[in-house]
Amino acid sequence: MIQVFEVSGQRFVPALTMEEAFWIHLENPSPEEIEQIVKKYNLEEDFITDLQDADENARVEWDEGALLTILRVPIYYKHRSAKISFATAPMGIISTEDKMITVSFYDNEILTQYLEGKHRPFNITQQSFLLNINLRTAIYFLKFLKEINRRNNLIEDELHQSMRNKELIRLLRMEKSLVYFNTSLKSNEIILERLQRTRWLLNDPDAEDMIEDVIIENKQAIEMANIYSSILSGMMDAFASIISNNLNVVMKFLTSITIIISVPTLIVSIYGMNVPLPFQDSNMAFAVIMGIAVLISLILVLIFIHKKYF
């Protein structure tokens, strides 16, 4: 799908034609739409088709007057069937002489406010728009990192009494998401440092200050991802031990119960033998035998309680 927008004041509004547009957005474009944009703006086809690869690296590339910036952006999968809730995917921003072209083959929320015209007003230039996209990418990384941390805390509460692997598997998926985030944030940091050194960016007098803010936000996200990853790794090791210990406690309890029950079972089985036995001619034989069995069982219970087996 192709959407076109022009600048009105300090906001984006839908444009009637591509010629009037400042910004062209391609969302999961068809081969025909890709061919149309490539021919119309004399672009390398790889600028767009490379973004179909979910593992495409972040990079900056110049070609015949067009600047391609590929960012790694965070993605949140809301479906329960998804193996992981948080991942990253590439998003391309192409700057031509008078157009900005964004390309995304994966659903993400980075451009939503711009597409709906609900973004904070700003002086829109190619440089400022590119930096705003970078800034929103860093902000969304921070937002999803906080959500990952919140979910980890919920899982931690469940793990205290757990003897299953389910919670550990959930933590493993969170750790996988953090690895994706950490790698992508570091790639984006390299992109920002390269953009900071380009003459193209310096054409906008406000860009130099803004890119510093973007770099700071991105570094904060990197630090948070590192901290949460370290905490999560330690948590997984600790709770693997806790699950094992909880299982040992249950096994100790069941073993103690088995020993206590085995005493009356042994006494009753002895009196089932077809040989002369004490109290066999007494009317109180049953009461005496059961009393002895119960007394020995109670003694064992008191011993186990004293030893803190229960």
Protein backbone atom coordinates (compact mmCIF):
# COMPACT_ATOMS: atom_id res chain seq x y z
CA MET A 1 0.00 0.00 0.00
CA ILE A 2 1.23 3.49 -0.89
CA GLN A 3 0.25 6.55 1.17
CA VAL A 4 1.29 10.11 0.28
CA PHE A 5 1.49 13.16 2.57
CA GLU A 6 2.30 16.82 2.19
CA VAL A 7 3.31 19.35 4.83
CA SER A 8 0.70 21.76 6.16
CA GLY A 9 2.08 24.07 8.82
CA GLN A 10 4.03 21.72 11.06
CA ARG A 11 2.01 18.59 10.40
CA PHE A 12 1.55 15.93 7.75
CA VAL A 13 -1.74 15.82 5.86
CA PRO A 14 -2.80 13.46 3.03
CA ALA A 15 -1.71 14.64 -0.43
CA LEU A 16 -3.68 14.19 -3.63
CA THR A 17 -0.76 13.13 -5.83
CA MET A 18 2.82 11.95 -5.48
CA GLU A 19 4.03 15.12 -7.17
CA GLU A 20 2.55 17.23 -4.35
CA ALA A 21 3.78 14.90 -1.63
CA PHE A 22 6.73 15.48 0.68
CA TRP A 23 6.48 12.03 2.27
CA ILE A 24 5.60 8.73 0.56
CA HIS A 25 5.00 5.72 2.80
CA LEU A 26 5.12 2.15 1.48
CA GLU A 27 3.61 -0.40 3.83
CA ASN A 28 4.15 -4.00 2.76
CA PRO A 29 4.20 -2.89 -0.90
CA SER A 30 3.41 -5.24 -3.78
CA PRO A 31 5.99 -5.91 -6.54
CA GLU A 32 4.04 -3.55 -8.83
CA GLU A 33 4.16 -0.74 -6.26
CA ILE A 34 7.87 -1.28 -5.72
CA GLU A 35 8.50 -1.10 -9.47
CA GLN A 36 6.42 2.08 -9.72
CA ILE A 37 8.42 3.89 -7.00
CA VAL A 38 11.79 2.63 -8.27
CA LYS A 39 11.15 3.87 -11.80
CA LYS A 40 9.52 7.16 -10.80
CA TYR A 41 12.34 8.25 -8.48
CA ASN A 42 15.24 6.43 -10.18
CA LEU A 43 16.08 4.30 -7.14
CA GLU A 44 18.00 1.08 -6.77
CA GLU A 45 15.47 -1.74 -6.41
CA ASP A 46 17.60 -3.20 -3.61
CA PHE A 47 16.82 -0.10 -1.53
CA ILE A 48 13.31 -1.50 -1.08
CA THR A 49 13.56 -5.26 -1.64
CA ASP A 50 16.38 -5.69 0.91
CA LEU A 51 13.94 -4.62 3.61
CA GLN A 52 11.92 -7.80 3.12
CA ASP A 53 14.66 -9.68 4.97
CA ALA A 54 13.79 -9.63 8.69
CA ASP A 55 17.50 -9.90 9.53
CA GLU A 56 18.64 -7.00 7.33
CA ASN A 57 21.34 -5.01 9.12
CA ALA A 58 20.99 -1.32 9.95
CA ARG A 59 23.10 0.81 7.62
CA VAL A 60 23.46 4.09 5.74
CA GLU A 61 23.97 4.01 1.96
CA TRP A 62 24.31 6.69 -0.74
CA ASP A 63 23.46 6.10 -4.39
CA GLU A 64 22.95 8.69 -7.16
CA GLY A 65 21.67 11.45 -4.93
CA ALA A 66 19.50 9.19 -2.73
CA LEU A 67 20.28 8.45 0.90
CA LEU A 68 19.07 5.13 2.30
CA THR A 69 18.91 4.74 6.08
CA ILE A 70 17.89 1.34 7.43
CA LEU A 71 16.90 1.24 11.09
CA ARG A 72 16.11 -1.71 13.31
CA VAL A 73 12.75 -0.94 14.95
CA PRO A 74 10.98 -2.74 17.80
CA ILE A 75 7.95 -4.90 17.08
CA TYR A 76 5.31 -6.10 19.52
CA TYR A 77 3.47 -9.32 18.60
CA LYS A 78 0.08 -9.30 20.37
CA HIS A 79 -1.00 -12.77 19.24
CA ARG A 80 -0.76 -15.47 21.92
CA SER A 81 0.48 -17.91 19.29
CA ALA A 82 3.66 -15.86 18.74
CA LYS A 83 6.79 -17.56 20.05
CA ILE A 84 8.10 -14.27 21.40
CA SER A 85 6.21 -11.04 22.14
CA PHE A 86 9.00 -8.61 21.29
CA ALA A 87 11.37 -8.62 18.33
CA THR A 88 12.93 -6.21 15.83
CA ALA A 89 12.66 -5.69 12.07
CA PRO A 90 14.18 -3.35 9.46
CA MET A 91 12.54 -0.14 8.33
CA GLY A 92 13.91 1.97 5.47
CA ILE A 93 13.96 5.75 5.07
CA ILE A 94 14.98 7.00 1.63
CA SER A 95 15.83 10.69 1.14
CA THR A 96 15.78 11.95 -2.46
CA GLU A 97 16.18 15.50 -3.71
CA ASP A 98 12.69 16.56 -2.63
CA LYS A 99 10.96 13.46 -1.24
CA MET A 100 11.07 11.28 1.85
CA ILE A 101 10.14 7.65 1.25
CA THR A 102 9.61 5.23 4.14
CA VAL A 103 9.31 1.49 3.59
CA SER A 104 8.13 -1.13 6.06
CA PHE A 105 7.30 -4.78 5.43
CA TYR A 106 6.58 -5.44 9.13
CA ASP A 107 3.89 -3.93 11.36
CA ASN A 108 5.29 -1.42 13.82
CA GLU A 109 4.07 1.63 15.70
CA ILE A 110 6.93 4.02 14.92
CA LEU A 111 5.14 5.94 12.13
CA THR A 112 1.57 5.62 13.42
CA GLN A 113 1.32 9.14 14.84
CA TYR A 114 2.75 10.68 11.67
CA LEU A 115 0.39 8.66 9.47
CA GLU A 116 -2.61 9.77 11.55
CA GLY A 117 -1.45 13.39 11.79
CA LYS A 118 -1.36 13.22 15.60
CA HIS A 119 2.36 13.87 16.06
CA ARG A 120 3.86 16.75 17.98
CA PRO A 121 4.27 19.75 15.63
CA PHE A 122 7.84 20.40 14.48
CA ASN A 123 9.67 22.26 11.71
CA ILE A 124 9.48 19.57 9.02
CA THR A 125 12.55 19.07 6.86
CA GLN A 126 14.08 15.90 5.52
CA GLN A 127 16.73 16.01 8.25
CA SER A 128 14.31 16.72 11.11
CA PHE A 129 11.87 14.02 9.93
CA LEU A 130 14.64 11.41 9.76
CA LEU A 131 15.84 12.34 13.26
CA ASN A 132 12.28 12.32 14.62
CA ILE A 133 11.86 8.76 13.32
CA ASN A 134 15.12 7.80 15.04
CA LEU A 135 13.95 9.47 18.25
CA ARG A 136 10.61 7.66 18.22
CA THR A 137 12.42 4.39 17.57
CA ALA A 138 14.54 4.90 20.70
CA ILE A 139 11.44 5.92 22.71
CA TYR A 140 9.58 2.78 21.65
CA PHE A 141 12.58 0.63 22.55
CA LEU A 142 12.47 2.19 26.04
CA LYS A 143 8.70 1.64 26.25
CA PHE A 144 8.95 -2.04 25.33
CA LEU A 145 11.95 -2.57 27.63
CA LYS A 146 9.84 -1.33 30.56
CA GLU A 147 7.07 -3.71 29.53
CA ILE A 148 9.56 -6.61 29.40
CA ASN A 149 10.76 -5.69 32.89
CA ARG A 150 7.16 -5.56 34.17
CA ARG A 151 6.45 -9.02 32.77
CA ASN A 152 9.66 -10.37 34.27
CA ASN A 153 8.54 -9.15 37.71
CA LEU A 154 5.18 -10.93 37.30
CA ILE A 155 6.94 -14.15 36.31
CA GLU A 156 9.30 -13.75 39.29
CA ASP A 157 6.32 -13.73 41.68
CA GLU A 158 5.02 -16.97 40.13
CA LEU A 159 8.41 -18.67 40.27
CA HIS A 160 8.70 -18.57 44.07
CA GLN A 161 6.24 -21.46 44.42
CA SER A 162 6.81 -23.07 41.03
CA MET A 163 8.04 -26.57 40.27
CA ARG A 164 7.40 -26.32 36.51
CA ASN A 165 9.55 -25.25 33.58
CA LYS A 166 6.80 -23.05 32.12
CA GLU A 167 7.96 -19.88 33.86
CA LEU A 168 11.60 -20.49 32.97
CA ILE A 169 10.63 -20.90 29.31
CA ARG A 170 8.80 -17.56 29.46
CA LEU A 171 11.92 -15.95 30.92
CA LEU A 172 14.00 -17.52 28.17
CA ARG A 173 11.76 -15.88 25.56
CA MET A 174 12.15 -12.53 27.30
CA GLU A 175 15.91 -12.98 27.27
CA LYS A 176 15.75 -13.69 23.54
CA SER A 177 13.82 -10.43 23.01
CA LEU A 178 16.44 -8.53 25.00
CA VAL A 179 19.20 -9.95 22.80
CA TYR A 180 17.32 -8.71 19.71
CA PHE A 181 16.82 -5.29 21.29
CA ASN A 182 20.42 -4.96 22.43
CA THR A 183 21.85 -5.90 19.04
CA SER A 184 19.46 -3.59 17.16
CA LEU A 185 20.09 -0.63 19.47
CA LYS A 186 23.84 -0.93 19.00
CA SER A 187 23.36 -1.07 15.21
CA ASN A 188 21.19 2.04 15.36
CA GLU A 189 23.85 3.78 17.44
CA ILE A 190 26.39 3.23 14.66
CA ILE A 191 23.90 4.68 12.14
CA LEU A 192 23.40 7.79 14.27
CA GLU A 193 27.13 8.33 14.61
CA ARG A 194 27.54 8.06 10.84
CA LEU A 195 24.67 10.49 10.21
CA GLN A 196 26.22 12.91 12.67
CA ARG A 197 29.29 13.16 10.45
CA THR A 198 27.42 13.66 7.15
CA ARG A 199 27.25 17.04 5.42
CA TRP A 200 23.65 16.30 4.43
CA LEU A 201 22.54 16.48 8.05
CA LEU A 202 24.33 19.78 8.63
CA ASN A 203 22.11 21.44 6.00
CA ASP A 204 19.52 21.77 8.77
CA PRO A 205 20.76 24.12 11.55
CA ASP A 206 18.55 22.42 14.19
CA ALA A 207 19.73 18.92 13.29
CA GLU A 208 23.00 19.01 15.24
CA ASP A 209 21.27 19.61 18.59
CA MET A 210 18.51 17.15 17.81
CA ILE A 211 20.81 14.29 16.90
CA GLU A 212 22.53 14.67 20.27
CA ASP A 213 19.16 14.13 21.96
CA VAL A 214 18.50 11.08 19.80
CA ILE A 215 21.92 9.59 20.62
CA ILE A 216 21.30 10.14 24.35
CA GLU A 217 17.91 8.37 24.18
CA ASN A 218 19.42 5.49 22.22
CA LYS A 219 22.28 5.10 24.71
CA GLN A 220 19.79 5.08 27.57
CA ALA A 221 17.89 2.27 25.85
CA ILE A 222 21.15 0.32 25.38
CA GLU A 223 21.99 0.69 29.08
CA MET A 224 18.50 -0.43 30.10
CA ALA A 225 18.68 -3.45 27.79
CA ASN A 226 22.07 -4.42 29.26
CA ILE A 227 20.82 -4.04 32.84
CA TYR A 228 17.62 -6.02 32.25
CA SER A 229 19.55 -8.72 30.39
CA SER A 230 22.00 -9.12 33.28
CA ILE A 231 19.18 -9.23 35.83
CA LEU A 232 17.26 -11.76 33.74
CA SER A 233 20.26 -14.06 33.33
CA GLY A 234 20.89 -14.06 37.08
CA MET A 235 17.18 -14.58 37.75
CA MET A 236 17.02 -17.60 35.45
CA ASP A 237 20.02 -19.23 37.15
CA ALA A 238 18.60 -18.54 40.60
CA PHE A 239 15.12 -19.81 39.85
CA ALA A 240 16.39 -22.93 38.11
CA SER A 241 17.91 -23.76 41.49
CA ILE A 242 14.68 -22.78 43.29
CA ILE A 243 12.58 -25.09 41.10
CA SER A 244 15.01 -27.93 41.79
CA ASN A 245 14.93 -27.15 45.53
CA ASN A 246 11.11 -27.01 45.58
CA LEU A 247 11.03 -30.44 43.96
CA ASN A 248 13.48 -31.78 46.57
CA VAL A 249 11.26 -30.45 49.37
CA VAL A 250 8.23 -32.24 47.95
CA MET A 251 10.19 -35.47 47.51
CA LYS A 252 11.43 -35.24 51.14
CA PHE A 253 7.86 -34.75 52.36
CA LEU A 254 6.55 -37.71 50.36
CA THR A 255 9.41 -39.91 51.58
CA SER A 256 8.63 -39.00 55.21
CA ILE A 257 4.95 -39.89 54.71
CA THR A 258 5.95 -43.20 53.13
CA ILE A 259 8.17 -44.09 56.13
CA ILE A 260 5.40 -43.19 58.63
CA ILE A 261 2.82 -45.29 56.77
CA SER A 262 5.20 -48.24 56.39
CA VAL A 263 5.37 -48.83 60.20
CA PRO A 264 1.72 -49.79 60.78
CA THR A 265 1.77 -51.64 57.47
CA LEU A 266 4.74 -53.72 58.71
CA ILE A 267 3.10 -54.50 62.08
CA VAL A 268 -0.23 -55.50 60.50
CA SER A 269 1.53 -57.68 57.92
CA ILE A 270 3.43 -59.51 60.70
CA TYR A 271 0.16 -60.35 62.44
CA GLY A 272 -1.13 -61.75 59.19
CA MET A 273 1.43 -64.58 59.40
CA ASN A 274 0.10 -68.05 60.25
CA VAL A 275 2.42 -68.58 63.28
CA PRO A 276 2.02 -68.08 67.05
CA LEU A 277 2.18 -64.36 67.91
CA PRO A 278 1.92 -62.22 71.07
CA PHE A 279 -1.63 -61.26 72.15
CA GLN A 280 -3.19 -63.71 69.70
CA ASP A 281 -5.46 -65.15 72.41
CA SER A 282 -6.32 -61.79 73.97
CA ASN A 283 -9.63 -60.01 73.39
CA MET A 284 -7.69 -56.73 73.34
CA ALA A 285 -5.21 -57.90 70.69
CA PHE A 286 -6.55 -55.61 67.93
CA ALA A 287 -6.63 -52.51 70.15
CA VAL A 288 -3.13 -53.18 71.54
CA ILE A 289 -1.60 -53.79 68.10
CA MET A 290 -3.24 -50.70 66.57
CA GLY A 291 -2.23 -48.64 69.60
CA ILE A 292 1.43 -49.71 69.20
CA ALA A 293 1.33 -48.90 65.46
CA VAL A 294 -0.21 -45.45 66.06
CA LEU A 295 2.24 -44.71 68.89
CA ILE A 296 5.27 -45.57 66.75
CA SER A 297 3.85 -43.48 63.86
CA LEU A 298 3.32 -40.49 66.20
CA ILE A 299 6.89 -40.82 67.47
CA LEU A 300 8.15 -40.79 63.87
CA VAL A 301 6.00 -37.71 63.11
CA LEU A 302 7.47 -35.86 66.12
CA ILE A 303 11.01 -36.84 65.06
CA PHE A 304 10.43 -35.58 61.50
CA ILE A 305 8.90 -32.33 62.80
CA HIS A 306 11.91 -31.83 65.07
CA LYS A 307 14.23 -32.45 62.12
CA LYS A 308 12.10 -29.97 60.08
CA TYR A 309 11.31 -32.54 57.41
CA PHE A 310 7.76 -31.16 57.33
